Amino acid sequence: METISYEAFDALFTSFRRDALHLEMRDAYGTAVEMPHLRKWEAGEPDDTRWLQPWFDLVRVGRQDGKVFQRARIVSEPVSDYQQWVLKDSHLYVEAGEDIRWIPRSRVSAVALPGNDFWLFDDELVVFLIFAASGHVVERQSTTDPRTIALCRSAFEAVWELSIPNSEYRPSRRGQAGP
C-alpha cells in the first residue's frame, strides 16, 4: 500500500475512465467541510447545499462523459444523527448522477468486507480511507494489487445486491431492515 495525498486522490475523480465505486461502512464521519453544516442541521437552523455544488458539478460532467458513480452506505439502524442528516440531501447526489444505495448493517453479516471504506476506480486502483475515531480522514492508502481489487469488487457487488435504492430507503426505527 502507498499513502497518497489528498490532491492525488482528488485528481482520480476526473482521471478515471469508467466507474468509481464507493463503499461506506461508518455510521458517522467528521470531515472539516461537513461539520459546520451538520451542526446547523442539529441546531435546527436552515442550511443551503451550495458547498456541495463542486461535487455535483464533477458528477454531472463525469456522467455526461459516460462515467458511473456508485455509492453504497452500510448503516446501523436506527441510523445515527449523521446518517439522518446525509439522508435528507441524498436525493441531490442522485439528481446529479450518482447512484446511491443504503444497506442496513444487519444484511451484511455474511459478506466479506475490507477493513476500511474505499473507492475503487476502473477495477484498477483501490483507495482506502483511514479514519480517526472523530471521523476525520487521517490517511489514504492506494493499491493496484489484484487480490485487493478483487476483494473490494466482490464486497461492493455483494453489498450492492442486498442494498436498497436511495429513493426507496426508509430507515427502520426499531433496528429492523426495511425499505
N, C-alpha and C. Protein backbone atom coordinates (compact mmCIF):
# COMPACT_ATOMS: atom_id res chain seq x y z
N MET A 1 0.85 -1.18 0.00
CA MET A 1 0.00 0.00 0.00
C MET A 1 0.89 1.24 0.00
N GLU A 2 0.43 2.22 -0.72
CA GLU A 2 1.12 3.51 -0.75
C GLU A 2 0.20 4.57 -0.21
N THR A 3 0.73 5.47 0.57
CA THR A 3 -0.05 6.61 1.04
C THR A 3 -0.09 7.63 -0.08
N ILE A 4 -1.28 8.17 -0.36
CA ILE A 4 -1.39 9.21 -1.38
C ILE A 4 -1.95 10.48 -0.74
N SER A 5 -1.61 11.59 -1.33
CA SER A 5 -2.05 12.89 -0.83
C SER A 5 -3.52 13.13 -1.18
N TYR A 6 -4.09 14.09 -0.50
CA TYR A 6 -5.46 14.50 -0.83
C TYR A 6 -5.53 14.94 -2.29
N GLU A 7 -4.54 15.70 -2.75
CA GLU A 7 -4.54 16.21 -4.13
C GLU A 7 -4.51 15.08 -5.15
N ALA A 8 -3.68 14.06 -4.89
CA ALA A 8 -3.61 12.92 -5.81
C ALA A 8 -4.93 12.15 -5.80
N PHE A 9 -5.52 11.99 -4.62
CA PHE A 9 -6.82 11.32 -4.51
C PHE A 9 -7.88 12.11 -5.25
N ASP A 10 -7.94 13.40 -5.03
CA ASP A 10 -8.93 14.26 -5.66
C ASP A 10 -8.82 14.20 -7.19
N ALA A 11 -7.61 14.12 -7.71
CA ALA A 11 -7.40 14.06 -9.16
C ALA A 11 -7.99 12.79 -9.78
N LEU A 12 -8.12 11.74 -8.99
CA LEU A 12 -8.68 10.49 -9.52
C LEU A 12 -10.12 10.64 -9.99
N PHE A 13 -10.85 11.59 -9.42
CA PHE A 13 -12.27 11.74 -9.77
C PHE A 13 -12.48 12.35 -11.15
N THR A 14 -11.45 12.91 -11.72
CA THR A 14 -11.56 13.39 -13.10
C THR A 14 -10.75 12.52 -14.06
N SER A 15 -9.85 11.68 -13.54
CA SER A 15 -9.00 10.89 -14.43
C SER A 15 -9.46 9.45 -14.64
N PHE A 16 -10.39 8.96 -13.81
CA PHE A 16 -10.84 7.58 -14.05
C PHE A 16 -11.62 7.54 -15.36
N ARG A 17 -11.72 6.33 -15.94
CA ARG A 17 -12.32 6.21 -17.27
C ARG A 17 -13.75 5.69 -17.26
N ARG A 18 -14.07 4.71 -16.38
CA ARG A 18 -15.38 4.04 -16.46
C ARG A 18 -16.22 4.20 -15.20
N ASP A 19 -15.70 3.67 -14.09
CA ASP A 19 -16.53 3.69 -12.89
C ASP A 19 -15.74 3.95 -11.62
N ALA A 20 -16.42 4.63 -10.72
CA ALA A 20 -15.89 4.93 -9.39
C ALA A 20 -16.91 4.39 -8.39
N LEU A 21 -16.49 3.39 -7.65
CA LEU A 21 -17.38 2.71 -6.71
C LEU A 21 -16.92 3.04 -5.29
N HIS A 22 -17.86 3.43 -4.45
CA HIS A 22 -17.52 3.85 -3.09
C HIS A 22 -18.32 3.03 -2.09
N LEU A 23 -17.62 2.39 -1.16
CA LEU A 23 -18.28 1.66 -0.08
C LEU A 23 -18.01 2.39 1.23
N GLU A 24 -19.09 2.82 1.88
CA GLU A 24 -19.02 3.50 3.17
C GLU A 24 -19.53 2.54 4.23
N MET A 25 -18.79 2.44 5.33
CA MET A 25 -19.16 1.48 6.37
C MET A 25 -19.26 2.10 7.76
N ARG A 26 -19.07 3.38 7.88
CA ARG A 26 -19.13 4.04 9.20
C ARG A 26 -20.50 4.67 9.42
N ASP A 27 -20.88 4.81 10.66
CA ASP A 27 -22.15 5.44 10.98
C ASP A 27 -22.04 6.95 11.09
N ALA A 28 -20.83 7.46 11.19
CA ALA A 28 -20.64 8.91 11.27
C ALA A 28 -19.25 9.25 10.76
N TYR A 29 -19.18 10.41 10.16
CA TYR A 29 -17.92 10.95 9.67
C TYR A 29 -17.76 12.33 10.27
N GLY A 30 -16.60 12.92 10.10
CA GLY A 30 -16.37 14.23 10.70
C GLY A 30 -15.49 15.10 9.84
N THR A 31 -15.73 15.11 8.53
CA THR A 31 -14.88 15.91 7.66
C THR A 31 -15.03 17.39 8.01
N ALA A 32 -13.93 18.10 7.91
CA ALA A 32 -13.91 19.52 8.27
C ALA A 32 -14.94 20.31 7.48
N VAL A 33 -15.14 19.97 6.21
CA VAL A 33 -16.09 20.72 5.39
C VAL A 33 -17.53 20.44 5.81
N GLU A 34 -17.81 19.25 6.27
CA GLU A 34 -19.18 18.88 6.64
C GLU A 34 -19.61 19.40 8.00
N MET A 35 -18.71 19.44 8.94
CA MET A 35 -19.09 19.68 10.34
C MET A 35 -19.90 20.96 10.58
N PRO A 36 -19.55 22.10 9.99
CA PRO A 36 -20.38 23.30 10.22
C PRO A 36 -21.81 23.12 9.73
N HIS A 37 -21.99 22.39 8.64
CA HIS A 37 -23.33 22.17 8.08
C HIS A 37 -24.12 21.17 8.92
N LEU A 38 -23.44 20.15 9.42
CA LEU A 38 -24.09 19.20 10.32
C LEU A 38 -24.54 19.91 11.60
N ARG A 39 -23.69 20.77 12.12
CA ARG A 39 -24.04 21.49 13.35
C ARG A 39 -25.27 22.39 13.14
N LYS A 40 -25.35 23.03 11.99
CA LYS A 40 -26.54 23.85 11.68
C LYS A 40 -27.79 22.99 11.70
N TRP A 41 -27.73 21.84 11.05
CA TRP A 41 -28.87 20.94 10.99
C TRP A 41 -29.25 20.48 12.40
N GLU A 42 -28.25 20.11 13.18
CA GLU A 42 -28.53 19.66 14.56
C GLU A 42 -29.18 20.75 15.39
N ALA A 43 -28.84 22.01 15.10
CA ALA A 43 -29.41 23.14 15.83
C ALA A 43 -30.76 23.58 15.26
N GLY A 44 -31.21 22.90 14.20
CA GLY A 44 -32.48 23.25 13.59
C GLY A 44 -32.42 24.48 12.71
N GLU A 45 -31.20 24.89 12.35
CA GLU A 45 -31.02 26.07 11.51
C GLU A 45 -31.05 25.68 10.03
N PRO A 46 -31.53 26.59 9.18
CA PRO A 46 -31.53 26.29 7.74
C PRO A 46 -30.09 26.28 7.20
N ASP A 47 -29.88 25.46 6.22
CA ASP A 47 -28.56 25.36 5.60
C ASP A 47 -28.77 25.14 4.11
N ASP A 48 -28.01 25.83 3.30
CA ASP A 48 -28.12 25.57 1.86
C ASP A 48 -27.08 24.52 1.49
N THR A 49 -27.17 24.04 0.28
CA THR A 49 -26.27 22.98 -0.17
C THR A 49 -25.25 23.48 -1.19
N ARG A 50 -25.02 24.77 -1.22
CA ARG A 50 -24.05 25.31 -2.18
C ARG A 50 -22.66 24.72 -1.99
N TRP A 51 -22.32 24.36 -0.77
CA TRP A 51 -21.00 23.79 -0.50
C TRP A 51 -20.81 22.43 -1.19
N LEU A 52 -21.91 21.78 -1.58
CA LEU A 52 -21.86 20.50 -2.28
C LEU A 52 -21.76 20.65 -3.79
N GLN A 53 -21.96 21.86 -4.29
CA GLN A 53 -22.04 22.08 -5.73
C GLN A 53 -20.81 21.60 -6.51
N PRO A 54 -19.58 21.79 -6.01
CA PRO A 54 -18.44 21.27 -6.78
C PRO A 54 -18.51 19.76 -7.02
N TRP A 55 -18.97 19.00 -6.02
CA TRP A 55 -19.12 17.56 -6.22
C TRP A 55 -20.22 17.27 -7.23
N PHE A 56 -21.34 17.94 -7.11
CA PHE A 56 -22.44 17.72 -8.05
C PHE A 56 -22.00 18.04 -9.48
N ASP A 57 -21.26 19.13 -9.65
CA ASP A 57 -20.77 19.51 -10.98
C ASP A 57 -19.82 18.44 -11.53
N LEU A 58 -18.93 17.93 -10.68
CA LEU A 58 -17.98 16.91 -11.11
C LEU A 58 -18.73 15.65 -11.55
N VAL A 59 -19.74 15.25 -10.78
CA VAL A 59 -20.51 14.06 -11.13
C VAL A 59 -21.27 14.29 -12.43
N ARG A 60 -21.89 15.44 -12.59
CA ARG A 60 -22.64 15.72 -13.83
C ARG A 60 -21.74 15.64 -15.06
N VAL A 61 -20.58 16.25 -14.98
CA VAL A 61 -19.64 16.22 -16.10
C VAL A 61 -19.19 14.78 -16.37
N GLY A 62 -18.88 14.05 -15.31
CA GLY A 62 -18.48 12.66 -15.48
C GLY A 62 -19.58 11.82 -16.12
N ARG A 63 -20.80 12.01 -15.68
CA ARG A 63 -21.93 11.25 -16.25
C ARG A 63 -22.12 11.60 -17.73
N GLN A 64 -21.94 12.88 -18.08
CA GLN A 64 -22.04 13.28 -19.49
C GLN A 64 -20.98 12.57 -20.33
N ASP A 65 -19.84 12.25 -19.70
CA ASP A 65 -18.77 11.53 -20.38
C ASP A 65 -18.95 10.01 -20.31
N GLY A 66 -20.09 9.56 -19.75
CA GLY A 66 -20.38 8.14 -19.68
C GLY A 66 -19.81 7.44 -18.46
N LYS A 67 -19.31 8.18 -17.51
CA LYS A 67 -18.74 7.57 -16.31
C LYS A 67 -19.84 7.23 -15.31
N VAL A 68 -19.57 6.22 -14.49
CA VAL A 68 -20.52 5.74 -13.49
C VAL A 68 -19.98 6.05 -12.09
N PHE A 69 -20.87 6.59 -11.26
CA PHE A 69 -20.56 6.86 -9.85
C PHE A 69 -21.56 6.07 -9.02
N GLN A 70 -21.07 5.12 -8.22
CA GLN A 70 -21.95 4.34 -7.36
C GLN A 70 -21.44 4.40 -5.93
N ARG A 71 -22.38 4.56 -4.99
CA ARG A 71 -22.04 4.65 -3.57
C ARG A 71 -22.98 3.74 -2.80
N ALA A 72 -22.42 2.86 -1.99
CA ALA A 72 -23.21 2.00 -1.10
C ALA A 72 -22.88 2.38 0.34
N ARG A 73 -23.92 2.60 1.12
CA ARG A 73 -23.75 3.01 2.52
C ARG A 73 -24.28 1.91 3.44
N ILE A 74 -23.38 1.28 4.17
CA ILE A 74 -23.77 0.32 5.19
C ILE A 74 -24.04 1.12 6.47
N VAL A 75 -25.25 0.98 7.00
CA VAL A 75 -25.62 1.78 8.18
C VAL A 75 -26.25 0.92 9.27
N SER A 76 -25.99 1.31 10.50
CA SER A 76 -26.68 0.71 11.64
C SER A 76 -28.06 1.33 11.72
N GLU A 77 -29.01 0.55 12.18
CA GLU A 77 -30.36 1.07 12.39
C GLU A 77 -30.76 0.85 13.82
N PRO A 78 -31.41 1.82 14.44
CA PRO A 78 -31.76 3.13 13.89
C PRO A 78 -30.50 3.88 13.48
N VAL A 79 -30.62 4.71 12.43
CA VAL A 79 -29.45 5.41 11.88
C VAL A 79 -28.99 6.51 12.83
N SER A 80 -27.70 6.82 12.73
CA SER A 80 -27.12 7.89 13.53
C SER A 80 -27.66 9.25 13.09
N ASP A 81 -27.47 10.25 13.92
CA ASP A 81 -27.85 11.61 13.53
C ASP A 81 -27.12 12.00 12.25
N TYR A 82 -25.86 11.63 12.15
CA TYR A 82 -25.09 11.95 10.94
C TYR A 82 -25.79 11.37 9.71
N GLN A 83 -26.17 10.10 9.76
CA GLN A 83 -26.80 9.47 8.60
C GLN A 83 -28.18 10.06 8.32
N GLN A 84 -28.90 10.48 9.35
CA GLN A 84 -30.18 11.18 9.11
C GLN A 84 -29.93 12.46 8.33
N TRP A 85 -28.89 13.17 8.71
CA TRP A 85 -28.54 14.42 8.04
C TRP A 85 -28.15 14.14 6.58
N VAL A 86 -27.35 13.11 6.35
CA VAL A 86 -26.94 12.76 4.99
C VAL A 86 -28.16 12.35 4.16
N LEU A 87 -29.04 11.58 4.76
CA LEU A 87 -30.21 11.07 4.04
C LEU A 87 -31.11 12.19 3.53
N LYS A 88 -31.21 13.29 4.27
CA LYS A 88 -32.10 14.36 3.86
C LYS A 88 -31.68 15.00 2.53
N ASP A 89 -30.40 14.94 2.19
CA ASP A 89 -29.92 15.55 0.94
C ASP A 89 -29.42 14.53 -0.09
N SER A 90 -29.54 13.24 0.20
CA SER A 90 -29.03 12.23 -0.74
C SER A 90 -29.66 12.33 -2.12
N HIS A 91 -30.91 12.76 -2.17
CA HIS A 91 -31.57 12.89 -3.48
C HIS A 91 -30.82 13.87 -4.39
N LEU A 92 -30.14 14.85 -3.81
CA LEU A 92 -29.39 15.81 -4.62
C LEU A 92 -28.20 15.15 -5.31
N TYR A 93 -27.56 14.21 -4.62
CA TYR A 93 -26.46 13.45 -5.22
C TYR A 93 -26.99 12.60 -6.36
N VAL A 94 -28.14 11.98 -6.14
CA VAL A 94 -28.76 11.13 -7.16
C VAL A 94 -29.16 11.99 -8.37
N GLU A 95 -29.74 13.16 -8.12
CA GLU A 95 -30.11 14.05 -9.23
C GLU A 95 -28.89 14.48 -10.04
N ALA A 96 -27.74 14.58 -9.40
CA ALA A 96 -26.50 14.95 -10.11
C ALA A 96 -25.97 13.79 -10.94
N GLY A 97 -26.40 12.55 -10.63
CA GLY A 97 -25.99 11.40 -11.42
C GLY A 97 -25.32 10.28 -10.65
N GLU A 98 -25.24 10.41 -9.35
CA GLU A 98 -24.63 9.36 -8.53
C GLU A 98 -25.71 8.37 -8.12
N ASP A 99 -25.44 7.08 -8.28
CA ASP A 99 -26.37 6.05 -7.84
C ASP A 99 -26.00 5.69 -6.41
N ILE A 100 -26.92 5.95 -5.48
CA ILE A 100 -26.67 5.71 -4.06
C ILE A 100 -27.62 4.65 -3.56
N ARG A 101 -27.07 3.72 -2.81
CA ARG A 101 -27.86 2.67 -2.19
C ARG A 101 -27.52 2.60 -0.71
N TRP A 102 -28.48 2.16 0.07
CA TRP A 102 -28.34 2.02 1.51
C TRP A 102 -28.53 0.56 1.88
N ILE A 103 -27.81 0.12 2.88
CA ILE A 103 -27.97 -1.25 3.33
C ILE A 103 -27.85 -1.31 4.85
N PRO A 104 -28.90 -1.76 5.49
CA PRO A 104 -28.82 -1.95 6.94
C PRO A 104 -27.71 -2.94 7.28
N ARG A 105 -26.95 -2.63 8.29
CA ARG A 105 -25.81 -3.45 8.70
C ARG A 105 -26.22 -4.92 8.94
N SER A 106 -27.43 -5.13 9.39
CA SER A 106 -27.89 -6.50 9.67
C SER A 106 -27.91 -7.37 8.41
N ARG A 107 -27.93 -6.77 7.24
CA ARG A 107 -27.96 -7.54 5.99
C ARG A 107 -26.58 -7.98 5.51
N VAL A 108 -25.52 -7.47 6.10
CA VAL A 108 -24.17 -7.77 5.58
C VAL A 108 -23.36 -8.70 6.47
N SER A 109 -24.00 -9.35 7.42
CA SER A 109 -23.27 -10.21 8.35
C SER A 109 -22.45 -11.29 7.65
N ALA A 110 -22.92 -11.81 6.54
CA ALA A 110 -22.22 -12.89 5.84
C ALA A 110 -21.40 -12.40 4.65
N VAL A 111 -21.22 -11.07 4.53
CA VAL A 111 -20.45 -10.51 3.42
C VAL A 111 -19.02 -10.24 3.90
N ALA A 112 -18.05 -10.72 3.13
CA ALA A 112 -16.64 -10.44 3.43
C ALA A 112 -16.33 -9.01 3.03
N LEU A 113 -16.01 -8.18 4.02
CA LEU A 113 -15.76 -6.77 3.78
C LEU A 113 -14.31 -6.41 4.11
N PRO A 114 -13.72 -5.48 3.36
CA PRO A 114 -12.40 -4.99 3.74
C PRO A 114 -12.52 -4.21 5.05
N GLY A 115 -11.42 -3.93 5.66
CA GLY A 115 -11.42 -3.27 6.97
C GLY A 115 -11.72 -1.79 6.95
N ASN A 116 -11.72 -1.16 5.79
CA ASN A 116 -11.92 0.29 5.71
C ASN A 116 -12.78 0.67 4.51
N ASP A 117 -13.39 1.84 4.60
CA ASP A 117 -14.10 2.42 3.46
C ASP A 117 -13.13 2.50 2.28
N PHE A 118 -13.68 2.44 1.08
CA PHE A 118 -12.79 2.54 -0.08
C PHE A 118 -13.51 3.14 -1.28
N TRP A 119 -12.70 3.60 -2.21
CA TRP A 119 -13.11 3.94 -3.57
C TRP A 119 -12.37 2.97 -4.49
N LEU A 120 -13.08 2.39 -5.43
CA LEU A 120 -12.49 1.52 -6.43
C LEU A 120 -12.68 2.19 -7.79
N PHE A 121 -11.57 2.46 -8.45
CA PHE A 121 -11.59 3.16 -9.74
C PHE A 121 -11.25 2.19 -10.87
N ASP A 122 -12.20 1.99 -11.79
CA ASP A 122 -11.98 1.22 -13.02
C ASP A 122 -11.45 -0.20 -12.78
N ASP A 123 -11.71 -0.77 -11.62
CA ASP A 123 -11.17 -2.09 -11.27
C ASP A 123 -9.65 -2.15 -11.42
N GLU A 124 -9.00 -0.99 -11.26
CA GLU A 124 -7.55 -0.92 -11.41
C GLU A 124 -6.84 -0.35 -10.18
N LEU A 125 -7.56 0.43 -9.40
CA LEU A 125 -6.95 1.11 -8.26
C LEU A 125 -7.96 1.20 -7.13
N VAL A 126 -7.53 0.84 -5.94
CA VAL A 126 -8.34 0.99 -4.74
C VAL A 126 -7.67 2.03 -3.85
N VAL A 127 -8.49 2.92 -3.31
CA VAL A 127 -8.01 3.87 -2.31
C VAL A 127 -8.83 3.63 -1.05
N PHE A 128 -8.13 3.21 0.01
CA PHE A 128 -8.76 3.04 1.32
C PHE A 128 -8.69 4.35 2.07
N LEU A 129 -9.78 4.71 2.71
CA LEU A 129 -9.82 5.91 3.54
C LEU A 129 -9.69 5.47 4.99
N ILE A 130 -8.66 5.95 5.65
CA ILE A 130 -8.38 5.58 7.03
C ILE A 130 -8.85 6.74 7.90
N PHE A 131 -9.75 6.44 8.82
CA PHE A 131 -10.37 7.47 9.65
C PHE A 131 -9.90 7.39 11.09
N ALA A 132 -9.83 8.55 11.73
CA ALA A 132 -9.66 8.62 13.17
C ALA A 132 -11.03 8.36 13.80
N ALA A 133 -11.06 8.13 15.09
CA ALA A 133 -12.33 7.92 15.77
C ALA A 133 -13.26 9.11 15.59
N SER A 134 -12.72 10.30 15.42
CA SER A 134 -13.51 11.51 15.24
C SER A 134 -14.23 11.55 13.89
N GLY A 135 -13.83 10.68 12.97
CA GLY A 135 -14.43 10.68 11.64
C GLY A 135 -13.62 11.45 10.62
N HIS A 136 -12.50 12.02 11.03
CA HIS A 136 -11.62 12.72 10.09
C HIS A 136 -10.72 11.72 9.36
N VAL A 137 -10.52 11.94 8.08
CA VAL A 137 -9.59 11.10 7.32
C VAL A 137 -8.18 11.44 7.79
N VAL A 138 -7.43 10.41 8.17
CA VAL A 138 -6.05 10.61 8.60
C VAL A 138 -5.05 10.08 7.58
N GLU A 139 -5.53 9.25 6.66
CA GLU A 139 -4.64 8.70 5.65
C GLU A 139 -5.45 8.13 4.51
N ARG A 140 -4.84 8.12 3.32
CA ARG A 140 -5.42 7.49 2.15
C ARG A 140 -4.38 6.51 1.63
N GLN A 141 -4.76 5.23 1.56
CA GLN A 141 -3.84 4.19 1.12
C GLN A 141 -4.31 3.66 -0.23
N SER A 142 -3.40 3.63 -1.20
CA SER A 142 -3.78 3.14 -2.52
C SER A 142 -3.02 1.87 -2.86
N THR A 143 -3.65 1.07 -3.70
CA THR A 143 -3.00 -0.15 -4.18
C THR A 143 -3.59 -0.55 -5.53
N THR A 144 -2.77 -1.22 -6.31
CA THR A 144 -3.20 -1.83 -7.56
C THR A 144 -3.12 -3.35 -7.46
N ASP A 145 -2.93 -3.86 -6.25
CA ASP A 145 -2.82 -5.30 -6.03
C ASP A 145 -4.10 -6.01 -6.51
N PRO A 146 -3.98 -6.95 -7.44
CA PRO A 146 -5.17 -7.61 -8.00
C PRO A 146 -6.03 -8.32 -6.95
N ARG A 147 -5.42 -8.92 -5.93
CA ARG A 147 -6.22 -9.60 -4.90
C ARG A 147 -7.03 -8.61 -4.08
N THR A 148 -6.44 -7.47 -3.79
CA THR A 148 -7.17 -6.44 -3.03
C THR A 148 -8.29 -5.86 -3.87
N ILE A 149 -8.01 -5.64 -5.13
CA ILE A 149 -9.05 -5.14 -6.05
C ILE A 149 -10.19 -6.15 -6.13
N ALA A 150 -9.87 -7.43 -6.24
CA ALA A 150 -10.90 -8.47 -6.31
C ALA A 150 -11.73 -8.50 -5.03
N LEU A 151 -11.09 -8.37 -3.88
CA LEU A 151 -11.82 -8.33 -2.60
C LEU A 151 -12.79 -7.16 -2.58
N CYS A 152 -12.30 -5.99 -2.97
CA CYS A 152 -13.16 -4.79 -2.95
C CYS A 152 -14.29 -4.88 -3.96
N ARG A 153 -14.01 -5.39 -5.13
CA ARG A 153 -15.06 -5.55 -6.15
C ARG A 153 -16.11 -6.54 -5.65
N SER A 154 -15.66 -7.65 -5.10
CA SER A 154 -16.59 -8.66 -4.59
C SER A 154 -17.43 -8.11 -3.44
N ALA A 155 -16.80 -7.40 -2.53
CA ALA A 155 -17.53 -6.81 -1.40
C ALA A 155 -18.56 -5.80 -1.90
N PHE A 156 -18.15 -4.95 -2.82
CA PHE A 156 -19.06 -3.94 -3.34
C PHE A 156 -20.25 -4.60 -4.03
N GLU A 157 -19.99 -5.58 -4.88
CA GLU A 157 -21.09 -6.25 -5.60
C GLU A 157 -22.04 -6.96 -4.65
N ALA A 158 -21.51 -7.61 -3.62
CA ALA A 158 -22.36 -8.31 -2.65
C ALA A 158 -23.23 -7.31 -1.89
N VAL A 159 -22.65 -6.21 -1.48
CA VAL A 159 -23.41 -5.18 -0.76
C VAL A 159 -24.45 -4.57 -1.69
N TRP A 160 -24.05 -4.26 -2.91
CA TRP A 160 -24.96 -3.64 -3.88
C TRP A 160 -26.19 -4.51 -4.13
N GLU A 161 -25.97 -5.82 -4.25
CA GLU A 161 -27.07 -6.74 -4.50
C GLU A 161 -28.08 -6.75 -3.36
N LEU A 162 -27.63 -6.53 -2.14
CA LEU A 162 -28.50 -6.56 -0.96
C LEU A 162 -29.06 -5.18 -0.59
N SER A 163 -28.63 -4.16 -1.28
CA SER A 163 -28.93 -2.79 -0.88
C SER A 163 -30.27 -2.28 -1.39
N ILE A 164 -30.65 -1.13 -0.87
CA ILE A 164 -31.93 -0.50 -1.18
C ILE A 164 -31.66 0.82 -1.90
N PRO A 165 -32.25 1.05 -3.06
CA PRO A 165 -32.03 2.32 -3.76
C PRO A 165 -32.41 3.51 -2.87
N ASN A 166 -31.70 4.60 -3.06
CA ASN A 166 -31.91 5.80 -2.24
C ASN A 166 -33.37 6.21 -2.18
N SER A 167 -34.06 6.18 -3.31
CA SER A 167 -35.46 6.64 -3.34
C SER A 167 -36.40 5.75 -2.55
N GLU A 168 -35.99 4.52 -2.27
CA GLU A 168 -36.84 3.57 -1.56
C GLU A 168 -36.45 3.37 -0.10
N TYR A 169 -35.27 3.83 0.28
CA TYR A 169 -34.79 3.55 1.63
C TYR A 169 -35.51 4.39 2.67
N ARG A 170 -36.05 3.70 3.66
CA ARG A 170 -36.66 4.34 4.83
C ARG A 170 -36.03 3.69 6.04
N PRO A 171 -35.24 4.42 6.80
CA PRO A 171 -34.56 3.80 7.95
C PRO A 171 -35.57 3.27 8.96
N SER A 172 -35.27 2.10 9.46
CA SER A 172 -36.11 1.48 10.46
C SER A 172 -35.94 2.20 11.79
N ARG A 173 -37.00 2.34 12.51
CA ARG A 173 -36.95 2.96 13.84
C ARG A 173 -36.66 1.92 14.92
N ARG A 174 -36.82 0.64 14.59
CA ARG A 174 -36.62 -0.42 15.58
C ARG A 174 -35.37 -1.24 15.32
N GLY A 175 -34.57 -0.83 14.34
CA GLY A 175 -33.38 -1.61 14.01
C GLY A 175 -33.67 -2.77 13.06
N GLN A 176 -34.87 -2.81 12.51
CA GLN A 176 -35.22 -3.84 11.54
C GLN A 176 -34.94 -3.31 10.14
N ALA A 177 -34.44 -4.17 9.26
CA ALA A 177 -34.19 -3.77 7.88
C ALA A 177 -35.53 -3.49 7.21
N GLY A 178 -35.54 -2.46 6.39
CA GLY A 178 -36.79 -2.21 5.68
C GLY A 178 -36.71 -1.05 4.73
N PRO A 179 -37.31 -1.23 3.56
CA PRO A 179 -37.37 -0.11 2.61
C PRO A 179 -38.45 0.88 3.00
